[in-house]
Amino acid sequence: MRQLSFGMAILIAMVCTSVAAQEGFQELKEQCIACHGEAGHSEIPESPSLGGIDDYYALLQLVAFRSGNRKADVMNEIAAGMSDNDLRAAAAWIDGLPRPPAPDAAGDPEKMKRGAELIAQNHCSGCHGADLLGGHQMPPLRHQREDYLLNALHDYKAERRFGDRAAMVEVVQTISDEDLEILAHYMAHLPAK
């Protein structure tokens, strides 16, 4: 009988674990789609669109939900029962979702002008990228749901949301509630890129 090399055994174990993770996540995937949309573009109020989020950032958030370090009742409940493999499979699925489309309607011209000023003043593109499309450890903001963005900004300002984004708490402290609304409107209504 021929023995497997140690490296080949590890490779087979990794493939089996990956297949098992995908199969385990398939049962949970319908719950994700129900709120976040099959193509990652949410139609549910205050539920974020997931398209455009990379697997690393998605995994960070899923781990935070599972541990309770990020609070959202539904997500905490769902993630609590997820194995590490489920979390990795969910993050990989999210990574494959297309970015949300540009909105059908243009933003309010005055809000768009003021929003651009606020983005520059607060150096938002320093972390979220020049086009606000996010990156390895930052979420995309462009074309995200306006209501979700506004809630997130308010949560940071009220120090209800920390996680690995403590810098956001500091950034929004000096921004008025009116300007937070303008920022959310601006990011949600940016034209197609």
N, C-alpha and C. Protein backbone atom coordinates (compact mmCIF):
# COMPACT_ATOMS: atom_id res chain seq x y z
N MET A 1 0.84 -1.17 0.00
CA MET A 1 0.00 0.00 0.00
C MET A 1 0.89 1.24 0.00
N ARG A 2 0.56 2.18 -0.79
CA ARG A 2 1.36 3.39 -0.94
C ARG A 2 0.93 4.41 0.12
N GLN A 3 1.91 5.05 0.78
CA GLN A 3 1.62 6.06 1.79
C GLN A 3 1.62 7.45 1.15
N LEU A 4 0.75 8.31 1.69
CA LEU A 4 0.72 9.71 1.24
C LEU A 4 1.84 10.49 1.90
N SER A 5 2.40 11.41 1.18
CA SER A 5 3.38 12.29 1.80
C SER A 5 2.64 13.22 2.76
N PHE A 6 3.37 13.78 3.70
CA PHE A 6 2.76 14.69 4.67
C PHE A 6 2.12 15.87 3.96
N GLY A 7 2.82 16.44 2.97
CA GLY A 7 2.29 17.59 2.22
C GLY A 7 1.00 17.25 1.49
N MET A 8 0.96 16.03 0.87
CA MET A 8 -0.24 15.62 0.15
C MET A 8 -1.39 15.41 1.13
N ALA A 9 -1.12 14.87 2.30
CA ALA A 9 -2.17 14.67 3.31
C ALA A 9 -2.74 16.01 3.76
N ILE A 10 -1.86 16.99 3.95
CA ILE A 10 -2.32 18.34 4.34
C ILE A 10 -3.19 18.94 3.24
N LEU A 11 -2.76 18.80 1.98
CA LEU A 11 -3.53 19.33 0.86
C LEU A 11 -4.91 18.69 0.78
N ILE A 12 -4.98 17.39 0.93
CA ILE A 12 -6.28 16.69 0.89
C ILE A 12 -7.16 17.16 2.04
N ALA A 13 -6.59 17.32 3.23
CA ALA A 13 -7.35 17.80 4.39
C ALA A 13 -7.89 19.20 4.14
N MET A 14 -7.07 20.07 3.53
CA MET A 14 -7.51 21.44 3.24
C MET A 14 -8.66 21.45 2.23
N VAL A 15 -8.56 20.63 1.20
CA VAL A 15 -9.62 20.56 0.20
C VAL A 15 -10.91 20.04 0.83
N CYS A 16 -10.81 19.00 1.64
CA CYS A 16 -12.00 18.45 2.30
C CYS A 16 -12.63 19.47 3.24
N THR A 17 -11.79 20.20 3.98
CA THR A 17 -12.29 21.23 4.88
C THR A 17 -12.99 22.33 4.09
N SER A 18 -12.41 22.73 2.96
CA SER A 18 -13.00 23.77 2.12
C SER A 18 -14.35 23.32 1.57
N VAL A 19 -14.42 22.07 1.10
CA VAL A 19 -15.68 21.53 0.58
C VAL A 19 -16.72 21.47 1.69
N ALA A 20 -16.32 21.00 2.87
CA ALA A 20 -17.25 20.93 4.00
C ALA A 20 -17.73 22.32 4.39
N ALA A 21 -16.84 23.31 4.36
CA ALA A 21 -17.22 24.68 4.71
C ALA A 21 -18.25 25.20 3.72
N GLN A 22 -18.03 24.95 2.43
CA GLN A 22 -18.99 25.42 1.43
C GLN A 22 -20.34 24.74 1.62
N GLU A 23 -20.34 23.44 1.90
CA GLU A 23 -21.60 22.72 2.11
C GLU A 23 -22.31 23.22 3.36
N GLY A 24 -21.56 23.45 4.45
CA GLY A 24 -22.16 23.95 5.68
C GLY A 24 -22.74 25.33 5.50
N PHE A 25 -22.06 26.17 4.77
CA PHE A 25 -22.54 27.53 4.57
C PHE A 25 -23.77 27.58 3.67
N GLN A 26 -23.92 26.62 2.77
CA GLN A 26 -25.06 26.63 1.86
C GLN A 26 -26.38 26.69 2.61
N GLU A 27 -26.45 26.06 3.77
CA GLU A 27 -27.67 26.10 4.58
C GLU A 27 -27.92 27.49 5.14
N LEU A 28 -26.87 28.22 5.43
CA LEU A 28 -26.99 29.57 6.00
C LEU A 28 -27.14 30.65 4.93
N LYS A 29 -26.72 30.34 3.73
CA LYS A 29 -26.67 31.33 2.66
C LYS A 29 -28.04 31.97 2.39
N GLU A 30 -29.10 31.19 2.48
CA GLU A 30 -30.44 31.73 2.24
C GLU A 30 -30.78 32.82 3.24
N GLN A 31 -30.30 32.70 4.47
CA GLN A 31 -30.52 33.75 5.47
C GLN A 31 -29.80 35.03 5.06
N CYS A 32 -28.61 34.89 4.52
CA CYS A 32 -27.85 36.05 4.06
C CYS A 32 -28.58 36.74 2.92
N ILE A 33 -29.01 35.95 1.97
CA ILE A 33 -29.69 36.48 0.78
C ILE A 33 -30.98 37.18 1.15
N ALA A 34 -31.70 36.67 2.15
CA ALA A 34 -32.98 37.25 2.53
C ALA A 34 -32.86 38.73 2.90
N CYS A 35 -31.78 39.11 3.54
CA CYS A 35 -31.59 40.51 3.95
C CYS A 35 -30.68 41.30 3.01
N HIS A 36 -29.64 40.65 2.53
CA HIS A 36 -28.59 41.37 1.79
C HIS A 36 -28.71 41.24 0.27
N GLY A 37 -29.64 40.42 -0.20
CA GLY A 37 -29.87 40.26 -1.62
C GLY A 37 -28.97 39.20 -2.25
N GLU A 38 -29.50 38.50 -3.23
CA GLU A 38 -28.75 37.41 -3.87
C GLU A 38 -27.49 37.92 -4.55
N ALA A 39 -27.57 39.11 -5.12
CA ALA A 39 -26.40 39.69 -5.80
C ALA A 39 -25.66 40.67 -4.89
N GLY A 40 -25.98 40.66 -3.59
CA GLY A 40 -25.27 41.54 -2.65
C GLY A 40 -25.76 42.97 -2.63
N HIS A 41 -26.92 43.21 -3.24
CA HIS A 41 -27.50 44.56 -3.27
C HIS A 41 -28.80 44.52 -2.48
N SER A 42 -28.76 45.05 -1.27
CA SER A 42 -29.89 44.97 -0.35
C SER A 42 -31.05 45.87 -0.77
N GLU A 43 -32.24 45.33 -0.65
CA GLU A 43 -33.47 46.11 -0.85
C GLU A 43 -34.20 46.28 0.49
N ILE A 44 -33.62 45.77 1.55
CA ILE A 44 -34.23 45.80 2.89
C ILE A 44 -33.73 47.04 3.63
N PRO A 45 -34.63 47.88 4.14
CA PRO A 45 -34.19 49.07 4.89
C PRO A 45 -33.19 48.73 6.00
N GLU A 46 -32.16 49.55 6.09
CA GLU A 46 -31.12 49.49 7.11
C GLU A 46 -30.27 48.21 7.07
N SER A 47 -30.43 47.44 6.03
CA SER A 47 -29.61 46.24 5.85
C SER A 47 -28.58 46.54 4.77
N PRO A 48 -27.29 46.42 5.07
CA PRO A 48 -26.28 46.86 4.10
C PRO A 48 -26.18 45.97 2.87
N SER A 49 -25.79 46.57 1.79
CA SER A 49 -25.41 45.82 0.60
C SER A 49 -24.01 45.27 0.86
N LEU A 50 -23.79 44.02 0.46
CA LEU A 50 -22.50 43.37 0.73
C LEU A 50 -21.58 43.35 -0.49
N GLY A 51 -22.11 43.62 -1.66
CA GLY A 51 -21.30 43.61 -2.87
C GLY A 51 -20.16 44.60 -2.78
N GLY A 52 -18.99 44.17 -3.23
CA GLY A 52 -17.81 45.05 -3.21
C GLY A 52 -16.97 44.91 -1.96
N ILE A 53 -17.43 44.13 -0.98
CA ILE A 53 -16.65 43.91 0.24
C ILE A 53 -15.71 42.73 0.01
N ASP A 54 -14.44 42.90 0.33
CA ASP A 54 -13.51 41.79 0.11
C ASP A 54 -13.60 40.77 1.25
N ASP A 55 -13.05 39.58 1.00
CA ASP A 55 -13.19 38.48 1.96
C ASP A 55 -12.53 38.78 3.30
N TYR A 56 -11.43 39.50 3.30
CA TYR A 56 -10.75 39.80 4.57
C TYR A 56 -11.62 40.68 5.46
N TYR A 57 -12.16 41.76 4.91
CA TYR A 57 -13.01 42.64 5.71
C TYR A 57 -14.29 41.91 6.14
N ALA A 58 -14.86 41.13 5.22
CA ALA A 58 -16.07 40.37 5.56
C ALA A 58 -15.80 39.41 6.72
N LEU A 59 -14.66 38.73 6.68
CA LEU A 59 -14.33 37.79 7.75
C LEU A 59 -14.14 38.52 9.08
N LEU A 60 -13.47 39.67 9.06
CA LEU A 60 -13.32 40.45 10.29
C LEU A 60 -14.67 40.79 10.91
N GLN A 61 -15.62 41.21 10.07
CA GLN A 61 -16.94 41.58 10.58
C GLN A 61 -17.71 40.38 11.09
N LEU A 62 -17.64 39.27 10.38
CA LEU A 62 -18.34 38.06 10.81
C LEU A 62 -17.81 37.56 12.14
N VAL A 63 -16.50 37.59 12.32
CA VAL A 63 -15.90 37.20 13.59
C VAL A 63 -16.36 38.15 14.70
N ALA A 64 -16.42 39.44 14.40
CA ALA A 64 -16.88 40.42 15.40
C ALA A 64 -18.33 40.18 15.78
N PHE A 65 -19.17 39.83 14.80
CA PHE A 65 -20.57 39.51 15.11
C PHE A 65 -20.65 38.26 15.98
N ARG A 66 -19.87 37.23 15.62
CA ARG A 66 -19.92 35.98 16.38
C ARG A 66 -19.46 36.17 17.82
N SER A 67 -18.44 36.98 18.02
CA SER A 67 -17.91 37.19 19.37
C SER A 67 -18.75 38.18 20.17
N GLY A 68 -19.62 38.92 19.49
CA GLY A 68 -20.43 39.94 20.17
C GLY A 68 -19.73 41.28 20.25
N ASN A 69 -18.54 41.40 19.66
CA ASN A 69 -17.84 42.69 19.67
C ASN A 69 -18.48 43.70 18.74
N ARG A 70 -19.27 43.23 17.81
CA ARG A 70 -20.09 44.13 16.97
C ARG A 70 -21.54 43.72 17.21
N LYS A 71 -22.35 44.68 17.57
CA LYS A 71 -23.73 44.40 17.97
C LYS A 71 -24.71 44.63 16.82
N ALA A 72 -25.46 43.61 16.52
CA ALA A 72 -26.60 43.65 15.61
C ALA A 72 -27.33 42.34 15.88
N ASP A 73 -28.47 42.43 16.55
CA ASP A 73 -29.14 41.24 17.07
C ASP A 73 -29.24 40.09 16.09
N VAL A 74 -29.74 40.35 14.89
CA VAL A 74 -29.92 39.27 13.91
C VAL A 74 -28.57 38.67 13.53
N MET A 75 -27.59 39.52 13.24
CA MET A 75 -26.27 39.02 12.84
C MET A 75 -25.57 38.31 13.99
N ASN A 76 -25.71 38.80 15.21
CA ASN A 76 -25.11 38.12 16.35
C ASN A 76 -25.69 36.72 16.50
N GLU A 77 -27.01 36.60 16.32
CA GLU A 77 -27.67 35.30 16.45
C GLU A 77 -27.23 34.35 15.35
N ILE A 78 -27.19 34.83 14.12
CA ILE A 78 -26.79 33.97 13.00
C ILE A 78 -25.33 33.54 13.14
N ALA A 79 -24.45 34.50 13.40
CA ALA A 79 -23.02 34.21 13.46
C ALA A 79 -22.65 33.35 14.65
N ALA A 80 -23.43 33.41 15.73
CA ALA A 80 -23.12 32.63 16.93
C ALA A 80 -23.03 31.14 16.63
N GLY A 81 -23.83 30.67 15.69
CA GLY A 81 -23.83 29.25 15.37
C GLY A 81 -22.92 28.86 14.23
N MET A 82 -22.14 29.80 13.73
CA MET A 82 -21.27 29.52 12.58
C MET A 82 -19.90 29.03 13.03
N SER A 83 -19.42 27.98 12.38
CA SER A 83 -18.07 27.49 12.65
C SER A 83 -17.07 28.41 11.95
N ASP A 84 -15.80 28.23 12.25
CA ASP A 84 -14.76 28.98 11.56
C ASP A 84 -14.84 28.75 10.05
N ASN A 85 -15.10 27.50 9.66
CA ASN A 85 -15.21 27.19 8.23
C ASN A 85 -16.42 27.88 7.61
N ASP A 86 -17.54 27.95 8.36
CA ASP A 86 -18.72 28.66 7.86
C ASP A 86 -18.38 30.14 7.63
N LEU A 87 -17.66 30.73 8.58
CA LEU A 87 -17.30 32.14 8.45
C LEU A 87 -16.42 32.37 7.22
N ARG A 88 -15.46 31.49 7.01
CA ARG A 88 -14.59 31.63 5.84
C ARG A 88 -15.38 31.46 4.54
N ALA A 89 -16.30 30.50 4.52
CA ALA A 89 -17.11 30.28 3.31
C ALA A 89 -18.02 31.48 3.05
N ALA A 90 -18.60 32.04 4.11
CA ALA A 90 -19.46 33.23 3.95
C ALA A 90 -18.63 34.40 3.43
N ALA A 91 -17.44 34.59 3.97
CA ALA A 91 -16.58 35.69 3.52
C ALA A 91 -16.19 35.50 2.05
N ALA A 92 -15.92 34.28 1.65
CA ALA A 92 -15.58 34.02 0.24
C ALA A 92 -16.77 34.31 -0.66
N TRP A 93 -17.98 33.94 -0.22
CA TRP A 93 -19.19 34.23 -1.01
C TRP A 93 -19.37 35.75 -1.15
N ILE A 94 -19.21 36.48 -0.05
CA ILE A 94 -19.35 37.93 -0.08
C ILE A 94 -18.33 38.54 -1.04
N ASP A 95 -17.10 38.05 -1.00
CA ASP A 95 -16.04 38.56 -1.87
C ASP A 95 -16.40 38.43 -3.36
N GLY A 96 -17.21 37.45 -3.70
CA GLY A 96 -17.59 37.22 -5.09
C GLY A 96 -18.79 38.02 -5.56
N LEU A 97 -19.41 38.77 -4.67
CA LEU A 97 -20.61 39.54 -5.05
C LEU A 97 -20.22 40.82 -5.80
N PRO A 98 -20.99 41.19 -6.81
CA PRO A 98 -20.68 42.42 -7.55
C PRO A 98 -21.02 43.66 -6.72
N ARG A 99 -20.33 44.74 -7.01
CA ARG A 99 -20.62 46.01 -6.34
C ARG A 99 -22.06 46.42 -6.61
N PRO A 100 -22.69 47.11 -5.65
CA PRO A 100 -24.04 47.61 -5.92
C PRO A 100 -24.01 48.59 -7.08
N PRO A 101 -25.08 48.62 -7.86
CA PRO A 101 -25.10 49.56 -8.99
C PRO A 101 -25.27 50.99 -8.50
N ALA A 102 -24.93 51.91 -9.38
CA ALA A 102 -25.16 53.33 -9.08
C ALA A 102 -26.66 53.55 -8.95
N PRO A 103 -27.07 54.50 -8.14
CA PRO A 103 -28.51 54.76 -7.98
C PRO A 103 -29.13 55.26 -9.27
N ASP A 104 -30.44 54.99 -9.40
CA ASP A 104 -31.17 55.45 -10.58
C ASP A 104 -31.28 56.97 -10.63
N ALA A 105 -31.49 57.57 -9.46
CA ALA A 105 -31.68 59.02 -9.39
C ALA A 105 -30.40 59.70 -8.92
N ALA A 106 -30.11 60.84 -9.50
CA ALA A 106 -28.95 61.63 -9.07
C ALA A 106 -29.22 62.21 -7.69
N GLY A 107 -28.17 62.46 -6.97
CA GLY A 107 -28.31 63.07 -5.66
C GLY A 107 -28.69 64.53 -5.73
N ASP A 108 -29.17 65.04 -4.63
CA ASP A 108 -29.50 66.46 -4.53
C ASP A 108 -28.22 67.26 -4.78
N PRO A 109 -28.22 68.20 -5.76
CA PRO A 109 -26.99 68.92 -6.12
C PRO A 109 -26.31 69.65 -4.96
N GLU A 110 -27.09 70.28 -4.09
CA GLU A 110 -26.49 70.99 -2.96
C GLU A 110 -25.85 70.01 -1.98
N LYS A 111 -26.53 68.90 -1.72
CA LYS A 111 -25.98 67.88 -0.81
C LYS A 111 -24.74 67.23 -1.41
N MET A 112 -24.75 67.03 -2.72
CA MET A 112 -23.59 66.41 -3.36
C MET A 112 -22.38 67.33 -3.29
N LYS A 113 -22.60 68.62 -3.45
CA LYS A 113 -21.49 69.58 -3.36
C LYS A 113 -20.95 69.62 -1.93
N ARG A 114 -21.85 69.73 -0.96
CA ARG A 114 -21.43 69.77 0.45
C ARG A 114 -20.80 68.44 0.86
N GLY A 115 -21.35 67.33 0.36
CA GLY A 115 -20.79 66.01 0.66
C GLY A 115 -19.35 65.87 0.20
N ALA A 116 -19.07 66.37 -0.99
CA ALA A 116 -17.69 66.32 -1.50
C ALA A 116 -16.76 67.13 -0.60
N GLU A 117 -17.23 68.27 -0.12
CA GLU A 117 -16.43 69.09 0.80
C GLU A 117 -16.17 68.34 2.10
N LEU A 118 -17.20 67.69 2.64
CA LEU A 118 -17.06 66.93 3.89
C LEU A 118 -16.10 65.75 3.74
N ILE A 119 -16.18 65.08 2.59
CA ILE A 119 -15.27 63.95 2.32
C ILE A 119 -13.82 64.45 2.35
N ALA A 120 -13.58 65.60 1.71
CA ALA A 120 -12.22 66.16 1.68
C ALA A 120 -11.79 66.64 3.07
N GLN A 121 -12.65 67.35 3.78
CA GLN A 121 -12.32 67.89 5.10
C GLN A 121 -11.99 66.79 6.10
N ASN A 122 -12.70 65.67 6.00
CA ASN A 122 -12.55 64.60 6.98
C ASN A 122 -11.65 63.47 6.50
N HIS A 123 -11.03 63.67 5.34
CA HIS A 123 -10.04 62.73 4.79
C HIS A 123 -10.58 61.31 4.65
N CYS A 124 -11.85 61.19 4.27
CA CYS A 124 -12.49 59.87 4.13
C CYS A 124 -11.76 58.99 3.12
N SER A 125 -11.28 59.61 2.04
CA SER A 125 -10.62 58.82 1.00
C SER A 125 -9.25 58.31 1.45
N GLY A 126 -8.72 58.85 2.53
CA GLY A 126 -7.45 58.35 3.05
C GLY A 126 -7.53 56.89 3.47
N CYS A 127 -8.67 56.47 3.97
CA CYS A 127 -8.87 55.07 4.38
C CYS A 127 -9.73 54.29 3.39
N HIS A 128 -10.78 54.94 2.88
CA HIS A 128 -11.75 54.24 2.05
C HIS A 128 -11.43 54.33 0.56
N GLY A 129 -10.34 54.98 0.20
CA GLY A 129 -9.91 55.07 -1.19
C GLY A 129 -10.47 56.29 -1.90
N ALA A 130 -9.76 56.73 -2.92
CA ALA A 130 -10.14 57.94 -3.66
C ALA A 130 -11.55 57.85 -4.23
N ASP A 131 -11.98 56.66 -4.59
CA ASP A 131 -13.31 56.47 -5.15
C ASP A 131 -14.31 55.95 -4.12
N LEU A 132 -13.87 55.87 -2.85
CA LEU A 132 -14.69 55.36 -1.74
C LEU A 132 -15.15 53.93 -1.98
N LEU A 133 -14.28 53.14 -2.62
CA LEU A 133 -14.60 51.75 -2.92
C LEU A 133 -14.00 50.79 -1.89
N GLY A 134 -13.42 51.32 -0.83
CA GLY A 134 -12.88 50.47 0.22
C GLY A 134 -11.59 49.81 -0.16
N GLY A 135 -11.25 48.81 0.63
CA GLY A 135 -10.01 48.09 0.40
C GLY A 135 -9.90 46.92 1.34
N HIS A 136 -8.69 46.45 1.53
CA HIS A 136 -8.45 45.23 2.29
C HIS A 136 -9.05 45.25 3.69
N GLN A 137 -8.97 46.35 4.38
CA GLN A 137 -9.52 46.42 5.73
C GLN A 137 -10.58 47.50 5.88
N MET A 138 -11.04 48.03 4.79
CA MET A 138 -12.02 49.11 4.82
C MET A 138 -13.21 48.78 3.93
N PRO A 139 -14.40 49.09 4.41
CA PRO A 139 -15.58 48.78 3.59
C PRO A 139 -15.78 49.82 2.48
N PRO A 140 -16.40 49.38 1.39
CA PRO A 140 -16.76 50.34 0.36
C PRO A 140 -17.94 51.19 0.86
N LEU A 141 -17.94 52.45 0.51
CA LEU A 141 -19.01 53.36 0.90
C LEU A 141 -19.85 53.78 -0.31
N ARG A 142 -19.24 53.79 -1.45
CA ARG A 142 -19.90 54.23 -2.69
C ARG A 142 -21.07 53.30 -3.00
N HIS A 143 -22.26 53.86 -3.15
CA HIS A 143 -23.50 53.16 -3.51
C HIS A 143 -24.04 52.27 -2.40
N GLN A 144 -23.55 52.42 -1.19
CA GLN A 144 -24.14 51.71 -0.06
C GLN A 144 -25.50 52.33 0.22
N ARG A 145 -26.36 51.61 0.89
CA ARG A 145 -27.69 52.14 1.23
C ARG A 145 -27.53 53.38 2.11
N GLU A 146 -28.24 54.43 1.76
CA GLU A 146 -28.16 55.70 2.50
C GLU A 146 -28.59 55.53 3.95
N ASP A 147 -29.68 54.80 4.19
CA ASP A 147 -30.15 54.62 5.56
C ASP A 147 -29.14 53.85 6.41
N TYR A 148 -28.51 52.86 5.80
CA TYR A 148 -27.50 52.09 6.53
C TYR A 148 -26.29 52.96 6.86
N LEU A 149 -25.82 53.73 5.88
CA LEU A 149 -24.68 54.63 6.12
C LEU A 149 -24.98 55.61 7.25
N LEU A 150 -26.16 56.20 7.23
CA LEU A 150 -26.52 57.18 8.26
C LEU A 150 -26.56 56.52 9.63
N ASN A 151 -27.15 55.34 9.73
CA ASN A 151 -27.18 54.64 11.02
C ASN A 151 -25.78 54.31 11.51
N ALA A 152 -24.92 53.86 10.60
CA ALA A 152 -23.54 53.54 10.99
C ALA A 152 -22.81 54.78 11.50
N LEU A 153 -22.97 55.90 10.80
CA LEU A 153 -22.32 57.14 11.23
C LEU A 153 -22.83 57.58 12.60
N HIS A 154 -24.13 57.48 12.81
CA HIS A 154 -24.69 57.83 14.12
C HIS A 154 -24.20 56.87 15.21
N ASP A 155 -24.08 55.59 14.88
CA ASP A 155 -23.57 54.62 15.86
C ASP A 155 -22.13 54.92 16.24
N TYR A 156 -21.32 55.30 15.28
CA TYR A 156 -19.94 55.68 15.60
C TYR A 156 -19.94 56.93 16.49
N LYS A 157 -20.73 57.91 16.14
CA LYS A 157 -20.75 59.16 16.90
C LYS A 157 -21.23 58.94 18.33
N ALA A 158 -22.20 58.05 18.51
CA ALA A 158 -22.73 57.75 19.85
C ALA A 158 -21.88 56.70 20.58
N GLU A 159 -20.79 56.28 19.95
CA GLU A 159 -19.87 55.29 20.51
C GLU A 159 -20.57 53.96 20.80
N ARG A 160 -21.53 53.61 19.94
CA ARG A 160 -22.19 52.31 20.02
C ARG A 160 -21.47 51.28 19.15
N ARG A 161 -20.61 51.78 18.28
CA ARG A 161 -19.92 50.89 17.36
C ARG A 161 -18.43 51.20 17.40
N PHE A 162 -17.66 50.22 17.82
CA PHE A 162 -16.21 50.38 17.88
C PHE A 162 -15.55 49.38 16.95
N GLY A 163 -15.48 48.13 17.42
CA GLY A 163 -14.79 47.10 16.66
C GLY A 163 -13.37 47.54 16.39
N ASP A 164 -12.93 47.32 15.17
CA ASP A 164 -11.58 47.72 14.78
C ASP A 164 -11.58 49.09 14.11
N ARG A 165 -12.66 49.84 14.28
CA ARG A 165 -12.80 51.14 13.64
C ARG A 165 -12.87 52.27 14.67
N ALA A 166 -12.06 52.22 15.70
CA ALA A 166 -12.07 53.27 16.72
C ALA A 166 -11.78 54.63 16.11
N ALA A 167 -11.03 54.68 15.04
CA ALA A 167 -10.73 55.96 14.38
C ALA A 167 -12.01 56.63 13.90
N MET A 168 -12.99 55.85 13.47
CA MET A 168 -14.26 56.42 13.00
C MET A 168 -14.98 57.16 14.13
N VAL A 169 -14.90 56.64 15.33
CA VAL A 169 -15.53 57.30 16.48
C VAL A 169 -14.95 58.70 16.63
N GLU A 170 -13.65 58.80 16.51
CA GLU A 170 -12.98 60.10 16.64
C GLU A 170 -13.32 61.03 15.47
N VAL A 171 -13.35 60.50 14.26
CA VAL A 171 -13.61 61.31 13.08
C VAL A 171 -14.98 61.97 13.13
N VAL A 172 -16.01 61.23 13.50
CA VAL A 172 -17.38 61.76 13.42
C VAL A 172 -17.78 62.65 14.59
N GLN A 173 -16.97 62.71 15.65
CA GLN A 173 -17.35 63.48 16.82
C GLN A 173 -17.63 64.95 16.53
N THR A 174 -16.90 65.52 15.60
CA THR A 174 -17.05 66.95 15.31
C THR A 174 -18.00 67.24 14.15
N ILE A 175 -18.59 66.19 13.58
CA ILE A 175 -19.49 66.38 12.44
C ILE A 175 -20.93 66.48 12.95
N SER A 176 -21.62 67.51 12.51
CA SER A 176 -23.01 67.71 12.95
C SER A 176 -23.91 66.62 12.40
N ASP A 177 -25.07 66.42 13.04
CA ASP A 177 -26.03 65.43 12.55
C ASP A 177 -26.49 65.77 11.13
N GLU A 178 -26.64 67.05 10.84
CA GLU A 178 -27.04 67.47 9.50
C GLU A 178 -25.99 67.08 8.48
N ASP A 179 -24.72 67.27 8.84
CA ASP A 179 -23.64 66.89 7.92
C ASP A 179 -23.51 65.38 7.80
N LEU A 180 -23.84 64.63 8.84
CA LEU A 180 -23.84 63.17 8.74
C LEU A 180 -24.87 62.73 7.70
N GLU A 181 -26.03 63.38 7.71
CA GLU A 181 -27.07 63.07 6.71
C GLU A 181 -26.57 63.39 5.31
N ILE A 182 -25.87 64.48 5.18
CA ILE A 182 -25.34 64.87 3.87
C ILE A 182 -24.28 63.87 3.41
N LEU A 183 -23.41 63.43 4.30
CA LEU A 183 -22.40 62.43 3.95
C LEU A 183 -23.05 61.14 3.47
N ALA A 184 -24.05 60.66 4.19
CA ALA A 184 -24.73 59.43 3.80
C ALA A 184 -25.38 59.58 2.42
N HIS A 185 -26.02 60.72 2.20
CA HIS A 185 -26.66 60.98 0.90
C HIS A 185 -25.60 61.00 -0.21
N TYR A 186 -24.52 61.69 0.04
CA TYR A 186 -23.45 61.82 -0.96
C TYR A 186 -22.89 60.46 -1.35
N MET A 187 -22.52 59.64 -0.36
CA MET A 187 -21.89 58.35 -0.66
C MET A 187 -22.85 57.42 -1.38
N ALA A 188 -24.12 57.46 -1.00
CA ALA A 188 -25.12 56.59 -1.63
C ALA A 188 -25.45 57.01 -3.06
N HIS A 189 -25.28 58.29 -3.36
CA HIS A 189 -25.71 58.81 -4.67
C HIS A 189 -24.58 59.18 -5.62
N LEU A 190 -23.37 58.76 -5.32
CA LEU A 190 -22.28 59.03 -6.25
C LEU A 190 -22.56 58.38 -7.59
N PRO A 191 -22.15 59.01 -8.67
CA PRO A 191 -22.39 58.42 -9.99
C PRO A 191 -21.57 57.14 -10.18
N ALA A 192 -21.89 56.40 -11.22
CA ALA A 192 -21.19 55.15 -11.52
C ALA A 192 -19.71 55.41 -11.71
N LYS A 193 -18.91 54.45 -11.32
CA LYS A 193 -17.44 54.54 -11.46
C LYS A 193 -16.96 53.49 -12.41
